[in-house]
Amino acid sequence: MSRYLVNKFLYTVDRHPDLVERYREDPRGTVAWWEAEEANRLLNCVSQERSTWLAFADDEREALATHDYPRLFELGAHPFLTLTLFIALFERDHEQPLGFQLEYAQRLSGYSLPYPDITT
C-alpha cells in the first residue's frame, strides 16, 4: 500500500478545480488517468522529471474510484486531505450548512482511538 501516493492524489486533485469536477463526474476514469499520467510526476518539479515505480494497490484504486472516503481513512489516507477534497466534491449536494462535514463525521464515527496510521 502506498499512503504517499493516495495522499498525493488527494492533494493534487484538490488543488485543481477542473480535476475536482472531472473526479466528481468520472471518478474511475480520473483515477486511471491520474495513475497513468500524474502518479510518477515529482511534486513541484518540471514535467520531465519523473519516477517510474509508483502505482496504487487494488484496494486504494477501488476506494478512490468509488469515492469511498471511510475506506480511504481505514487505509491510512490523511483525514485532512480526504476531508478537503470531498468537501469540494460534495458540499454542494447538501442544503444545510456543513452538511457534508456532518455526513463525513457520521460515516467515520465508528472508528475509535487509536485511529489508522496516517504516516507515509
PDB file of N, CA and C in Angstrom:
ATOM      1  N   MET A   1       0.846  -1.183   0.000  1.00  0.00           N
ATOM      2  CA  MET A   1       0.000   0.000   0.000  1.00  0.00           C
ATOM      3  C   MET A   1       0.884   1.236   0.000  1.00  0.00           C
ATOM      4  N   SER A   2       0.454   2.248  -0.708  1.00  0.00           N
ATOM      5  CA  SER A   2       1.209   3.489  -0.796  1.00  0.00           C
ATOM      6  C   SER A   2       0.374   4.644  -0.273  1.00  0.00           C
ATOM      7  N   ARG A   3       0.451   4.882   1.027  1.00  0.00           N
ATOM      8  CA  ARG A   3      -0.261   6.037   1.581  1.00  0.00           C
ATOM      9  C   ARG A   3       0.226   7.319   0.910  1.00  0.00           C
ATOM     10  N   TYR A   4       1.521   7.341   0.602  1.00  0.00           N
ATOM     11  CA  TYR A   4       2.075   8.516  -0.053  1.00  0.00           C
ATOM     12  C   TYR A   4       1.331   8.808  -1.356  1.00  0.00           C
ATOM     13  N   LEU A   5       1.135   7.794  -2.177  1.00  0.00           N
ATOM     14  CA  LEU A   5       0.510   8.012  -3.480  1.00  0.00           C
ATOM     15  C   LEU A   5      -0.957   8.403  -3.343  1.00  0.00           C
ATOM     16  N   VAL A   6      -1.673   7.780  -2.424  1.00  0.00           N
ATOM     17  CA  VAL A   6      -3.068   8.155  -2.185  1.00  0.00           C
ATOM     18  C   VAL A   6      -3.136   9.617  -1.726  1.00  0.00           C
ATOM     19  N   ASN A   7      -2.282   9.989  -0.781  1.00  0.00           N
ATOM     20  CA  ASN A   7      -2.276  11.367  -0.303  1.00  0.00           C
ATOM     21  C   ASN A   7      -1.867  12.343  -1.395  1.00  0.00           C
ATOM     22  N   LYS A   8      -0.943  11.934  -2.245  1.00  0.00           N
ATOM     23  CA  LYS A   8      -0.538  12.775  -3.374  1.00  0.00           C
ATOM     24  C   LYS A   8      -1.717  12.986  -4.330  1.00  0.00           C
ATOM     25  N   PHE A   9      -2.476  11.939  -4.588  1.00  0.00           N
ATOM     26  CA  PHE A   9      -3.669  12.065  -5.425  1.00  0.00           C
ATOM     27  C   PHE A   9      -4.639  13.068  -4.801  1.00  0.00           C
ATOM     28  N   LEU A  10      -4.970  12.875  -3.526  1.00  0.00           N
ATOM     29  CA  LEU A  10      -5.913  13.762  -2.842  1.00  0.00           C
ATOM     30  C   LEU A  10      -5.427  15.206  -2.884  1.00  0.00           C
ATOM     31  N   TYR A  11      -4.151  15.412  -2.626  1.00  0.00           N
ATOM     32  CA  TYR A  11      -3.551  16.747  -2.595  1.00  0.00           C
ATOM     33  C   TYR A  11      -3.595  17.409  -3.974  1.00  0.00           C
ATOM     34  N   THR A  12      -3.158  16.698  -4.997  1.00  0.00           N
ATOM     35  CA  THR A  12      -3.058  17.322  -6.315  1.00  0.00           C
ATOM     36  C   THR A  12      -4.426  17.545  -6.954  1.00  0.00           C
ATOM     37  N   VAL A  13      -5.337  16.620  -6.804  1.00  0.00           N
ATOM     38  CA  VAL A  13      -6.670  16.799  -7.389  1.00  0.00           C
ATOM     39  C   VAL A  13      -7.386  17.962  -6.710  1.00  0.00           C
ATOM     40  N   ASP A  14      -7.269  18.071  -5.402  1.00  0.00           N
ATOM     41  CA  ASP A  14      -7.957  19.125  -4.654  1.00  0.00           C
ATOM     42  C   ASP A  14      -7.492  20.518  -5.055  1.00  0.00           C
ATOM     43  N   ARG A  15      -6.309  20.648  -5.592  1.00  0.00           N
ATOM     44  CA  ARG A  15      -5.765  21.955  -5.923  1.00  0.00           C
ATOM     45  C   ARG A  15      -6.074  22.421  -7.343  1.00  0.00           C
ATOM     46  N   HIS A  16      -6.818  21.644  -8.081  1.00  0.00           N
ATOM     47  CA  HIS A  16      -7.155  21.988  -9.461  1.00  0.00           C
ATOM     48  C   HIS A  16      -8.660  21.845  -9.664  1.00  0.00           C
ATOM     49  N   PRO A  17      -9.387  22.953  -9.737  1.00  0.00           N
ATOM     50  CA  PRO A  17     -10.856  22.886  -9.865  1.00  0.00           C
ATOM     51  C   PRO A  17     -11.330  22.009 -11.023  1.00  0.00           C
ATOM     52  N   ASP A  18     -10.615  22.033 -12.137  1.00  0.00           N
ATOM     53  CA  ASP A  18     -11.019  21.189 -13.268  1.00  0.00           C
ATOM     54  C   ASP A  18     -10.895  19.706 -12.925  1.00  0.00           C
ATOM     55  N   LEU A  19      -9.843  19.352 -12.189  1.00  0.00           N
ATOM     56  CA  LEU A  19      -9.685  17.953 -11.776  1.00  0.00           C
ATOM     57  C   LEU A  19     -10.729  17.554 -10.738  1.00  0.00           C
ATOM     58  N   VAL A  20     -11.099  18.477  -9.863  1.00  0.00           N
ATOM     59  CA  VAL A  20     -12.157  18.186  -8.890  1.00  0.00           C
ATOM     60  C   VAL A  20     -13.428  17.821  -9.637  1.00  0.00           C
ATOM     61  N   GLU A  21     -13.785  18.618 -10.630  1.00  0.00           N
ATOM     62  CA  GLU A  21     -15.002  18.336 -11.408  1.00  0.00           C
ATOM     63  C   GLU A  21     -14.878  17.039 -12.193  1.00  0.00           C
ATOM     64  N   ARG A  22     -13.719  16.818 -12.768  1.00  0.00           N
ATOM     65  CA  ARG A  22     -13.500  15.576 -13.509  1.00  0.00           C
ATOM     66  C   ARG A  22     -13.643  14.369 -12.576  1.00  0.00           C
ATOM     67  N   TYR A  23     -13.064  14.468 -11.381  1.00  0.00           N
ATOM     68  CA  TYR A  23     -13.144  13.379 -10.410  1.00  0.00           C
ATOM     69  C   TYR A  23     -14.571  13.176  -9.916  1.00  0.00           C
ATOM     70  N   ARG A  24     -15.318  14.245  -9.782  1.00  0.00           N
ATOM     71  CA  ARG A  24     -16.726  14.130  -9.360  1.00  0.00           C
ATOM     72  C   ARG A  24     -17.548  13.394 -10.418  1.00  0.00           C
ATOM     73  N   GLU A  25     -17.361  13.768 -11.678  1.00  0.00           N
ATOM     74  CA  GLU A  25     -18.165  13.224 -12.776  1.00  0.00           C
ATOM     75  C   GLU A  25     -17.711  11.842 -13.240  1.00  0.00           C
ATOM     76  N   ASP A  26     -16.417  11.581 -13.215  1.00  0.00           N
ATOM     77  CA  ASP A  26     -15.873  10.315 -13.716  1.00  0.00           C
ATOM     78  C   ASP A  26     -14.753   9.847 -12.795  1.00  0.00           C
ATOM     79  N   PRO A  27     -15.104   9.385 -11.600  1.00  0.00           N
ATOM     80  CA  PRO A  27     -14.049   9.034 -10.650  1.00  0.00           C
ATOM     81  C   PRO A  27     -13.142   7.903 -11.137  1.00  0.00           C
ATOM     82  N   ARG A  28     -13.719   6.858 -11.687  1.00  0.00           N
ATOM     83  CA  ARG A  28     -12.891   5.725 -12.135  1.00  0.00           C
ATOM     84  C   ARG A  28     -11.954   6.150 -13.269  1.00  0.00           C
ATOM     85  N   GLY A  29     -12.466   6.903 -14.220  1.00  0.00           N
ATOM     86  CA  GLY A  29     -11.629   7.373 -15.320  1.00  0.00           C
ATOM     87  C   GLY A  29     -10.562   8.344 -14.856  1.00  0.00           C
ATOM     88  N   THR A  30     -10.903   9.203 -13.907  1.00  0.00           N
ATOM     89  CA  THR A  30      -9.930  10.160 -13.389  1.00  0.00           C
ATOM     90  C   THR A  30      -8.815   9.449 -12.637  1.00  0.00           C
ATOM     91  N   VAL A  31      -9.165   8.471 -11.835  1.00  0.00           N
ATOM     92  CA  VAL A  31      -8.147   7.712 -11.096  1.00  0.00           C
ATOM     93  C   VAL A  31      -7.222   6.985 -12.076  1.00  0.00           C
ATOM     94  N   ALA A  32      -7.776   6.359 -13.088  1.00  0.00           N
ATOM     95  CA  ALA A  32      -6.960   5.644 -14.076  1.00  0.00           C
ATOM     96  C   ALA A  32      -6.046   6.609 -14.816  1.00  0.00           C
ATOM     97  N   TRP A  33      -6.592   7.744 -15.259  1.00  0.00           N
ATOM     98  CA  TRP A  33      -5.783   8.740 -15.955  1.00  0.00           C
ATOM     99  C   TRP A  33      -4.675   9.270 -15.053  1.00  0.00           C
ATOM    100  N   TRP A  34      -5.033   9.632 -13.816  1.00  0.00           N
ATOM    101  CA  TRP A  34      -4.058  10.217 -12.898  1.00  0.00           C
ATOM    102  C   TRP A  34      -2.941   9.228 -12.591  1.00  0.00           C
ATOM    103  N   GLU A  35      -3.304   7.978 -12.376  1.00  0.00           N
ATOM    104  CA  GLU A  35      -2.281   6.969 -12.083  1.00  0.00           C
ATOM    105  C   GLU A  35      -1.329   6.788 -13.264  1.00  0.00           C
ATOM    106  N   ALA A  36      -1.865   6.791 -14.469  1.00  0.00           N
ATOM    107  CA  ALA A  36      -1.040   6.598 -15.663  1.00  0.00           C
ATOM    108  C   ALA A  36      -0.198   7.828 -16.000  1.00  0.00           C
ATOM    109  N   GLU A  37      -0.764   9.014 -15.826  1.00  0.00           N
ATOM    110  CA  GLU A  37      -0.105  10.229 -16.301  1.00  0.00           C
ATOM    111  C   GLU A  37       0.564  11.077 -15.220  1.00  0.00           C
ATOM    112  N   GLU A  38       0.028  11.066 -14.015  1.00  0.00           N
ATOM    113  CA  GLU A  38       0.490  12.002 -12.992  1.00  0.00           C
ATOM    114  C   GLU A  38       1.161  11.356 -11.784  1.00  0.00           C
ATOM    115  N   ALA A  39       0.897  10.105 -11.511  1.00  0.00           N
ATOM    116  CA  ALA A  39       1.380   9.478 -10.278  1.00  0.00           C
ATOM    117  C   ALA A  39       2.892   9.556 -10.134  1.00  0.00           C
ATOM    118  N   ASN A  40       3.604   9.406 -11.208  1.00  0.00           N
ATOM    119  CA  ASN A  40       5.063   9.381 -11.142  1.00  0.00           C
ATOM    120  C   ASN A  40       5.712  10.732 -11.417  1.00  0.00           C
ATOM    121  N   ARG A  41       4.893  11.757 -11.594  1.00  0.00           N
ATOM    122  CA  ARG A  41       5.439  13.105 -11.738  1.00  0.00           C
ATOM    123  C   ARG A  41       5.859  13.574 -10.354  1.00  0.00           C
ATOM    124  N   LEU A  42       7.035  14.121 -10.261  1.00  0.00           N
ATOM    125  CA  LEU A  42       7.528  14.590  -8.981  1.00  0.00           C
ATOM    126  C   LEU A  42       6.829  15.891  -8.608  1.00  0.00           C
ATOM    127  N   LEU A  43       6.450  16.015  -7.358  1.00  0.00           N
ATOM    128  CA  LEU A  43       5.788  17.240  -6.894  1.00  0.00           C
ATOM    129  C   LEU A  43       6.733  18.423  -7.019  1.00  0.00           C
ATOM    130  N   ASN A  44       6.198  19.539  -7.479  1.00  0.00           N
ATOM    131  CA  ASN A  44       6.940  20.806  -7.570  1.00  0.00           C
ATOM    132  C   ASN A  44       8.174  20.729  -8.453  1.00  0.00           C
ATOM    133  N   CYS A  45       8.165  19.858  -9.453  1.00  0.00           N
ATOM    134  CA  CYS A  45       9.287  19.731 -10.375  1.00  0.00           C
ATOM    135  C   CYS A  45       8.792  19.899 -11.800  1.00  0.00           C
ATOM    136  N   VAL A  46       9.733  20.127 -12.690  1.00  0.00           N
ATOM    137  CA  VAL A  46       9.368  20.230 -14.095  1.00  0.00           C
ATOM    138  C   VAL A  46       8.848  18.883 -14.580  1.00  0.00           C
ATOM    139  N   SER A  47       8.038  18.914 -15.614  1.00  0.00           N
ATOM    140  CA  SER A  47       7.350  17.702 -16.054  1.00  0.00           C
ATOM    141  C   SER A  47       8.291  16.619 -16.580  1.00  0.00           C
ATOM    142  N   GLN A  48       9.514  16.980 -16.973  1.00  0.00           N
ATOM    143  CA  GLN A  48      10.430  15.969 -17.491  1.00  0.00           C
ATOM    144  C   GLN A  48      10.972  15.059 -16.390  1.00  0.00           C
ATOM    145  N   GLU A  49      10.936  15.504 -15.142  1.00  0.00           N
ATOM    146  CA  GLU A  49      11.450  14.694 -14.049  1.00  0.00           C
ATOM    147  C   GLU A  49      10.336  13.802 -13.523  1.00  0.00           C
ATOM    148  N   ARG A  50      10.571  12.497 -13.584  1.00  0.00           N
ATOM    149  CA  ARG A  50       9.543  11.537 -13.180  1.00  0.00           C
ATOM    150  C   ARG A  50      10.199  10.333 -12.526  1.00  0.00           C
ATOM    151  N   SER A  51       9.451   9.685 -11.659  1.00  0.00           N
ATOM    152  CA  SER A  51       9.859   8.373 -11.166  1.00  0.00           C
ATOM    153  C   SER A  51       9.138   7.346 -12.035  1.00  0.00           C
ATOM    154  N   THR A  52       9.341   6.090 -11.755  1.00  0.00           N
ATOM    155  CA  THR A  52       8.737   5.068 -12.615  1.00  0.00           C
ATOM    156  C   THR A  52       8.043   3.958 -11.856  1.00  0.00           C
ATOM    157  N   TRP A  53       8.042   3.975 -10.566  1.00  0.00           N
ATOM    158  CA  TRP A  53       7.619   2.806  -9.808  1.00  0.00           C
ATOM    159  C   TRP A  53       6.313   2.950  -9.040  1.00  0.00           C
ATOM    160  N   LEU A  54       5.740   4.135  -8.969  1.00  0.00           N
ATOM    161  CA  LEU A  54       4.561   4.324  -8.128  1.00  0.00           C
ATOM    162  C   LEU A  54       3.282   3.848  -8.810  1.00  0.00           C
ATOM    163  N   ALA A  55       2.465   3.111  -8.056  1.00  0.00           N
ATOM    164  CA  ALA A  55       1.160   2.655  -8.527  1.00  0.00           C
ATOM    165  C   ALA A  55       0.282   2.400  -7.312  1.00  0.00           C
ATOM    166  N   PHE A  56      -1.017   2.570  -7.488  1.00  0.00           N
ATOM    167  CA  PHE A  56      -1.961   2.276  -6.416  1.00  0.00           C
ATOM    168  C   PHE A  56      -2.076   0.771  -6.206  1.00  0.00           C
ATOM    169  N   ALA A  57      -2.316   0.369  -4.977  1.00  0.00           N
ATOM    170  CA  ALA A  57      -2.729  -1.003  -4.696  1.00  0.00           C
ATOM    171  C   ALA A  57      -4.189  -1.119  -5.141  1.00  0.00           C
ATOM    172  N   ASP A  58      -4.639  -2.322  -5.403  1.00  0.00           N
ATOM    173  CA  ASP A  58      -6.009  -2.518  -5.891  1.00  0.00           C
ATOM    174  C   ASP A  58      -7.059  -1.921  -4.959  1.00  0.00           C
ATOM    175  N   ASP A  59      -6.881  -2.106  -3.641  1.00  0.00           N
ATOM    176  CA  ASP A  59      -7.878  -1.575  -2.697  1.00  0.00           C
ATOM    177  C   ASP A  59      -7.865  -0.053  -2.658  1.00  0.00           C
ATOM    178  N   GLU A  60      -6.711   0.552  -2.831  1.00  0.00           N
ATOM    179  CA  GLU A  60      -6.637   2.019  -2.895  1.00  0.00           C
ATOM    180  C   GLU A  60      -7.333   2.534  -4.153  1.00  0.00           C
ATOM    181  N   ARG A  61      -7.011   1.913  -5.274  1.00  0.00           N
ATOM    182  CA  ARG A  61      -7.601   2.312  -6.555  1.00  0.00           C
ATOM    183  C   ARG A  61      -9.126   2.221  -6.494  1.00  0.00           C
ATOM    184  N   GLU A  62      -9.641   1.132  -5.927  1.00  0.00           N
ATOM    185  CA  GLU A  62     -11.095   0.944  -5.847  1.00  0.00           C
ATOM    186  C   GLU A  62     -11.731   1.964  -4.903  1.00  0.00           C
ATOM    187  N   ALA A  63     -11.102   2.227  -3.769  1.00  0.00           N
ATOM    188  CA  ALA A  63     -11.655   3.221  -2.831  1.00  0.00           C
ATOM    189  C   ALA A  63     -11.678   4.612  -3.468  1.00  0.00           C
ATOM    190  N   LEU A  64     -10.627   4.965  -4.185  1.00  0.00           N
ATOM    191  CA  LEU A  64     -10.611   6.259  -4.871  1.00  0.00           C
ATOM    192  C   LEU A  64     -11.655   6.302  -5.984  1.00  0.00           C
ATOM    193  N   ALA A  65     -11.771   5.215  -6.732  1.00  0.00           N
ATOM    194  CA  ALA A  65     -12.681   5.171  -7.882  1.00  0.00           C
ATOM    195  C   ALA A  65     -14.147   5.176  -7.474  1.00  0.00           C
ATOM    196  N   THR A  66     -14.440   4.846  -6.222  1.00  0.00           N
ATOM    197  CA  THR A  66     -15.826   4.818  -5.761  1.00  0.00           C
ATOM    198  C   THR A  66     -16.126   5.902  -4.722  1.00  0.00           C
ATOM    199  N   HIS A  67     -15.187   6.848  -4.562  1.00  0.00           N
ATOM    200  CA  HIS A  67     -15.345   7.925  -3.569  1.00  0.00           C
ATOM    201  C   HIS A  67     -15.589   7.371  -2.174  1.00  0.00           C
ATOM    202  N   ASP A  68     -14.965   6.269  -1.828  1.00  0.00           N
ATOM    203  CA  ASP A  68     -15.180   5.601  -0.543  1.00  0.00           C
ATOM    204  C   ASP A  68     -14.225   6.170   0.512  1.00  0.00           C
ATOM    205  N   TYR A  69     -14.572   7.358   1.023  1.00  0.00           N
ATOM    206  CA  TYR A  69     -13.674   8.017   1.980  1.00  0.00           C
ATOM    207  C   TYR A  69     -13.555   7.293   3.319  1.00  0.00           C
ATOM    208  N   PRO A  70     -14.570   6.563   3.814  1.00  0.00           N
ATOM    209  CA  PRO A  70     -14.309   5.769   5.023  1.00  0.00           C
ATOM    210  C   PRO A  70     -13.234   4.692   4.785  1.00  0.00           C
ATOM    211  N   ARG A  71     -13.265   4.068   3.624  1.00  0.00           N
ATOM    212  CA  ARG A  71     -12.243   3.066   3.304  1.00  0.00           C
ATOM    213  C   ARG A  71     -10.879   3.727   3.155  1.00  0.00           C
ATOM    214  N   LEU A  72     -10.822   4.900   2.533  1.00  0.00           N
ATOM    215  CA  LEU A  72      -9.552   5.615   2.427  1.00  0.00           C
ATOM    216  C   LEU A  72      -8.993   5.930   3.811  1.00  0.00           C
ATOM    217  N   PHE A  73      -9.861   6.354   4.732  1.00  0.00           N
ATOM    218  CA  PHE A  73      -9.444   6.610   6.109  1.00  0.00           C
ATOM    219  C   PHE A  73      -8.893   5.334   6.733  1.00  0.00           C
ATOM    220  N   GLU A  74      -9.584   4.237   6.529  1.00  0.00           N
ATOM    221  CA  GLU A  74      -9.150   2.950   7.060  1.00  0.00           C
ATOM    222  C   GLU A  74      -7.792   2.539   6.499  1.00  0.00           C
ATOM    223  N   LEU A  75      -7.550   2.875   5.233  1.00  0.00           N
ATOM    224  CA  LEU A  75      -6.282   2.536   4.595  1.00  0.00           C
ATOM    225  C   LEU A  75      -5.144   3.462   5.009  1.00  0.00           C
ATOM    226  N   GLY A  76      -5.456   4.540   5.721  1.00  0.00           N
ATOM    227  CA  GLY A  76      -4.416   5.440   6.208  1.00  0.00           C
ATOM    228  C   GLY A  76      -4.269   6.733   5.438  1.00  0.00           C
ATOM    229  N   ALA A  77      -5.225   7.054   4.556  1.00  0.00           N
ATOM    230  CA  ALA A  77      -5.187   8.352   3.892  1.00  0.00           C
ATOM    231  C   ALA A  77      -5.324   9.447   4.944  1.00  0.00           C
ATOM    232  N   HIS A  78      -4.635  10.534   4.736  1.00  0.00           N
ATOM    233  CA  HIS A  78      -4.680  11.609   5.723  1.00  0.00           C
ATOM    234  C   HIS A  78      -6.088  12.197   5.780  1.00  0.00           C
ATOM    235  N   PRO A  79      -6.697  12.263   6.956  1.00  0.00           N
ATOM    236  CA  PRO A  79      -8.089  12.720   7.045  1.00  0.00           C
ATOM    237  C   PRO A  79      -8.289  14.170   6.611  1.00  0.00           C
ATOM    238  N   PHE A  80      -7.305  15.037   6.806  1.00  0.00           N
ATOM    239  CA  PHE A  80      -7.462  16.421   6.357  1.00  0.00           C
ATOM    240  C   PHE A  80      -7.494  16.489   4.833  1.00  0.00           C
ATOM    241  N   LEU A  81      -6.613  15.752   4.173  1.00  0.00           N
ATOM    242  CA  LEU A  81      -6.609  15.745   2.703  1.00  0.00           C
ATOM    243  C   LEU A  81      -7.900  15.156   2.157  1.00  0.00           C
ATOM    244  N   THR A  82      -8.363  14.092   2.776  1.00  0.00           N
ATOM    245  CA  THR A  82      -9.614  13.464   2.344  1.00  0.00           C
ATOM    246  C   THR A  82     -10.785  14.416   2.535  1.00  0.00           C
ATOM    247  N   LEU A  83     -10.870  15.009   3.709  1.00  0.00           N
ATOM    248  CA  LEU A  83     -11.993  15.902   4.003  1.00  0.00           C
ATOM    249  C   LEU A  83     -12.024  17.099   3.054  1.00  0.00           C
ATOM    250  N   THR A  84     -10.891  17.743   2.823  1.00  0.00           N
ATOM    251  CA  THR A  84     -10.922  18.943   1.979  1.00  0.00           C
ATOM    252  C   THR A  84     -11.324  18.624   0.544  1.00  0.00           C
ATOM    253  N   LEU A  85     -10.821  17.522  -0.005  1.00  0.00           N
ATOM    254  CA  LEU A  85     -11.217  17.163  -1.374  1.00  0.00           C
ATOM    255  C   LEU A  85     -12.694  16.798  -1.436  1.00  0.00           C
ATOM    256  N   PHE A  86     -13.163  16.012  -0.490  1.00  0.00           N
ATOM    257  CA  PHE A  86     -14.553  15.570  -0.550  1.00  0.00           C
ATOM    258  C   PHE A  86     -15.532  16.697  -0.219  1.00  0.00           C
ATOM    259  N   ILE A  87     -15.098  17.705   0.533  1.00  0.00           N
ATOM    260  CA  ILE A  87     -15.928  18.905   0.685  1.00  0.00           C
ATOM    261  C   ILE A  87     -16.103  19.558  -0.680  1.00  0.00           C
ATOM    262  N   ALA A  88     -14.994  19.697  -1.415  1.00  0.00           N
ATOM    263  CA  ALA A  88     -15.077  20.299  -2.758  1.00  0.00           C
ATOM    264  C   ALA A  88     -15.987  19.483  -3.674  1.00  0.00           C
ATOM    265  N   LEU A  89     -15.982  18.175  -3.514  1.00  0.00           N
ATOM    266  CA  LEU A  89     -16.797  17.312  -4.365  1.00  0.00           C
ATOM    267  C   LEU A  89     -18.277  17.337  -3.998  1.00  0.00           C
ATOM    268  N   PHE A  90     -18.593  17.316  -2.701  1.00  0.00           N
ATOM    269  CA  PHE A  90     -19.960  17.001  -2.298  1.00  0.00           C
ATOM    270  C   PHE A  90     -20.675  18.012  -1.412  1.00  0.00           C
ATOM    271  N   GLU A  91     -20.010  19.056  -0.959  1.00  0.00           N
ATOM    272  CA  GLU A  91     -20.697  20.028  -0.102  1.00  0.00           C
ATOM    273  C   GLU A  91     -21.909  20.626  -0.822  1.00  0.00           C
ATOM    274  N   ARG A  92     -21.800  20.825  -2.119  1.00  0.00           N
ATOM    275  CA  ARG A  92     -22.896  21.433  -2.893  1.00  0.00           C
ATOM    276  C   ARG A  92     -24.157  20.572  -2.937  1.00  0.00           C
ATOM    277  N   ASP A  93     -24.029  19.308  -2.600  1.00  0.00           N
ATOM    278  CA  ASP A  93     -25.174  18.403  -2.618  1.00  0.00           C
ATOM    279  C   ASP A  93     -25.992  18.448  -1.328  1.00  0.00           C
ATOM    280  N   HIS A  94     -25.578  19.239  -0.363  1.00  0.00           N
ATOM    281  CA  HIS A  94     -26.251  19.334   0.931  1.00  0.00           C
ATOM    282  C   HIS A  94     -26.839  20.726   1.104  1.00  0.00           C
ATOM    283  N   GLU A  95     -28.063  20.797   1.574  1.00  0.00           N
ATOM    284  CA  GLU A  95     -28.727  22.084   1.756  1.00  0.00           C
ATOM    285  C   GLU A  95     -28.306  22.778   3.043  1.00  0.00           C
ATOM    286  N   GLN A  96     -28.076  22.024   4.099  1.00  0.00           N
ATOM    287  CA  GLN A  96     -27.749  22.650   5.374  1.00  0.00           C
ATOM    288  C   GLN A  96     -26.262  23.009   5.423  1.00  0.00           C
ATOM    289  N   PRO A  97     -25.926  24.083   6.134  1.00  0.00           N
ATOM    290  CA  PRO A  97     -24.509  24.436   6.301  1.00  0.00           C
ATOM    291  C   PRO A  97     -23.749  23.278   6.955  1.00  0.00           C
ATOM    292  N   LEU A  98     -22.545  23.068   6.507  1.00  0.00           N
ATOM    293  CA  LEU A  98     -21.691  21.986   6.993  1.00  0.00           C
ATOM    294  C   LEU A  98     -22.301  20.607   6.768  1.00  0.00           C
ATOM    295  N   GLY A  99     -23.196  20.505   5.806  1.00  0.00           N
ATOM    296  CA  GLY A  99     -23.894  19.249   5.567  1.00  0.00           C
ATOM    297  C   GLY A  99     -22.962  18.091   5.262  1.00  0.00           C
ATOM    298  N   PHE A 100     -21.991  18.314   4.385  1.00  0.00           N
ATOM    299  CA  PHE A 100     -21.091  17.212   4.073  1.00  0.00           C
ATOM    300  C   PHE A 100     -20.188  16.893   5.252  1.00  0.00           C
ATOM    301  N   GLN A 101     -19.703  17.912   5.959  1.00  0.00           N
ATOM    302  CA  GLN A 101     -18.836  17.669   7.099  1.00  0.00           C
ATOM    303  C   GLN A 101     -19.551  16.812   8.150  1.00  0.00           C
ATOM    304  N   LEU A 102     -20.837  17.068   8.354  1.00  0.00           N
ATOM    305  CA  LEU A 102     -21.611  16.267   9.299  1.00  0.00           C
ATOM    306  C   LEU A 102     -21.755  14.823   8.804  1.00  0.00           C
ATOM    307  N   GLU A 103     -21.977  14.661   7.505  1.00  0.00           N
ATOM    308  CA  GLU A 103     -22.050  13.308   6.931  1.00  0.00           C
ATOM    309  C   GLU A 103     -20.714  12.597   7.084  1.00  0.00           C
ATOM    310  N   TYR A 104     -19.638  13.290   6.798  1.00  0.00           N
ATOM    311  CA  TYR A 104     -18.293  12.731   6.922  1.00  0.00           C
ATOM    312  C   TYR A 104     -18.056  12.244   8.354  1.00  0.00           C
ATOM    313  N   ALA A 105     -18.367  13.106   9.324  1.00  0.00           N
ATOM    314  CA  ALA A 105     -18.186  12.746  10.734  1.00  0.00           C
ATOM    315  C   ALA A 105     -19.038  11.540  11.113  1.00  0.00           C
ATOM    316  N   GLN A 106     -20.260  11.504  10.627  1.00  0.00           N
ATOM    317  CA  GLN A 106     -21.146  10.381  10.948  1.00  0.00           C
ATOM    318  C   GLN A 106     -20.618   9.082  10.342  1.00  0.00           C
ATOM    319  N   ARG A 107     -20.163   9.138   9.094  1.00  0.00           N
ATOM    320  CA  ARG A 107     -19.681   7.923   8.434  1.00  0.00           C
ATOM    321  C   ARG A 107     -18.371   7.412   9.021  1.00  0.00           C
ATOM    322  N   LEU A 108     -17.621   8.305   9.675  1.00  0.00           N
ATOM    323  CA  LEU A 108     -16.372   7.876  10.318  1.00  0.00           C
ATOM    324  C   LEU A 108     -16.530   7.679  11.819  1.00  0.00           C
ATOM    325  N   SER A 109     -17.746   7.825  12.327  1.00  0.00           N
ATOM    326  CA  SER A 109     -17.971   7.765  13.772  1.00  0.00           C
ATOM    327  C   SER A 109     -17.720   6.383  14.371  1.00  0.00           C
ATOM    328  N   GLY A 110     -17.685   5.352  13.558  1.00  0.00           N
ATOM    329  CA  GLY A 110     -17.433   4.015  14.059  1.00  0.00           C
ATOM    330  C   GLY A 110     -15.986   3.757  14.428  1.00  0.00           C
ATOM    331  N   TYR A 111     -15.103   4.651  14.040  1.00  0.00           N
ATOM    332  CA  TYR A 111     -13.693   4.489  14.369  1.00  0.00           C
ATOM    333  C   TYR A 111     -13.418   5.075  15.741  1.00  0.00           C
ATOM    334  N   SER A 112     -12.591   4.397  16.494  1.00  0.00           N
ATOM    335  CA  SER A 112     -12.180   4.920  17.786  1.00  0.00           C
ATOM    336  C   SER A 112     -10.656   4.856  17.867  1.00  0.00           C
ATOM    337  N   LEU A 113     -10.129   5.515  18.859  1.00  0.00           N
ATOM    338  CA  LEU A 113      -8.679   5.523  19.031  1.00  0.00           C
ATOM    339  C   LEU A 113      -8.182   4.114  19.323  1.00  0.00           C
ATOM    340  N   PRO A 114      -7.048   3.716  18.869  1.00  0.00           N
ATOM    341  CA  PRO A 114      -6.178   4.504  18.005  1.00  0.00           C
ATOM    342  C   PRO A 114      -6.689   4.473  16.559  1.00  0.00           C
ATOM    343  N   TYR A 115      -6.658   5.631  15.906  1.00  0.00           N
ATOM    344  CA  TYR A 115      -7.068   5.717  14.520  1.00  0.00           C
ATOM    345  C   TYR A 115      -6.058   5.002  13.637  1.00  0.00           C
ATOM    346  N   PRO A 116      -6.440   4.702  12.401  1.00  0.00           N
ATOM    347  CA  PRO A 116      -5.462   4.091  11.485  1.00  0.00           C
ATOM    348  C   PRO A 116      -4.233   4.977  11.352  1.00  0.00           C
ATOM    349  N   ASP A 117      -3.112   4.345  11.148  1.00  0.00           N
ATOM    350  CA  ASP A 117      -1.837   5.039  10.990  1.00  0.00           C
ATOM    351  C   ASP A 117      -1.852   5.857   9.702  1.00  0.00           C
ATOM    352  N   ILE A 118      -1.511   7.145   9.790  1.00  0.00           N
ATOM    353  CA  ILE A 118      -1.508   8.007   8.603  1.00  0.00           C
ATOM    354  C   ILE A 118      -0.099   8.416   8.192  1.00  0.00           C
ATOM    355  N   THR A 119       0.914   7.827   8.803  1.00  0.00           N
ATOM    356  CA  THR A 119       2.277   8.177   8.410  1.00  0.00           C
ATOM    357  C   THR A 119       2.556   7.678   7.005  1.00  0.00           C
ATOM    358  N   THR A 120       3.446   8.379   6.327  1.00  0.00           N
ATOM    359  CA  THR A 120       3.817   7.957   4.970  1.00  0.00           C
ATOM    360  C   THR A 120       5.251   7.522   4.904  1.00  0.00           C
TER     361      THR A 120
END
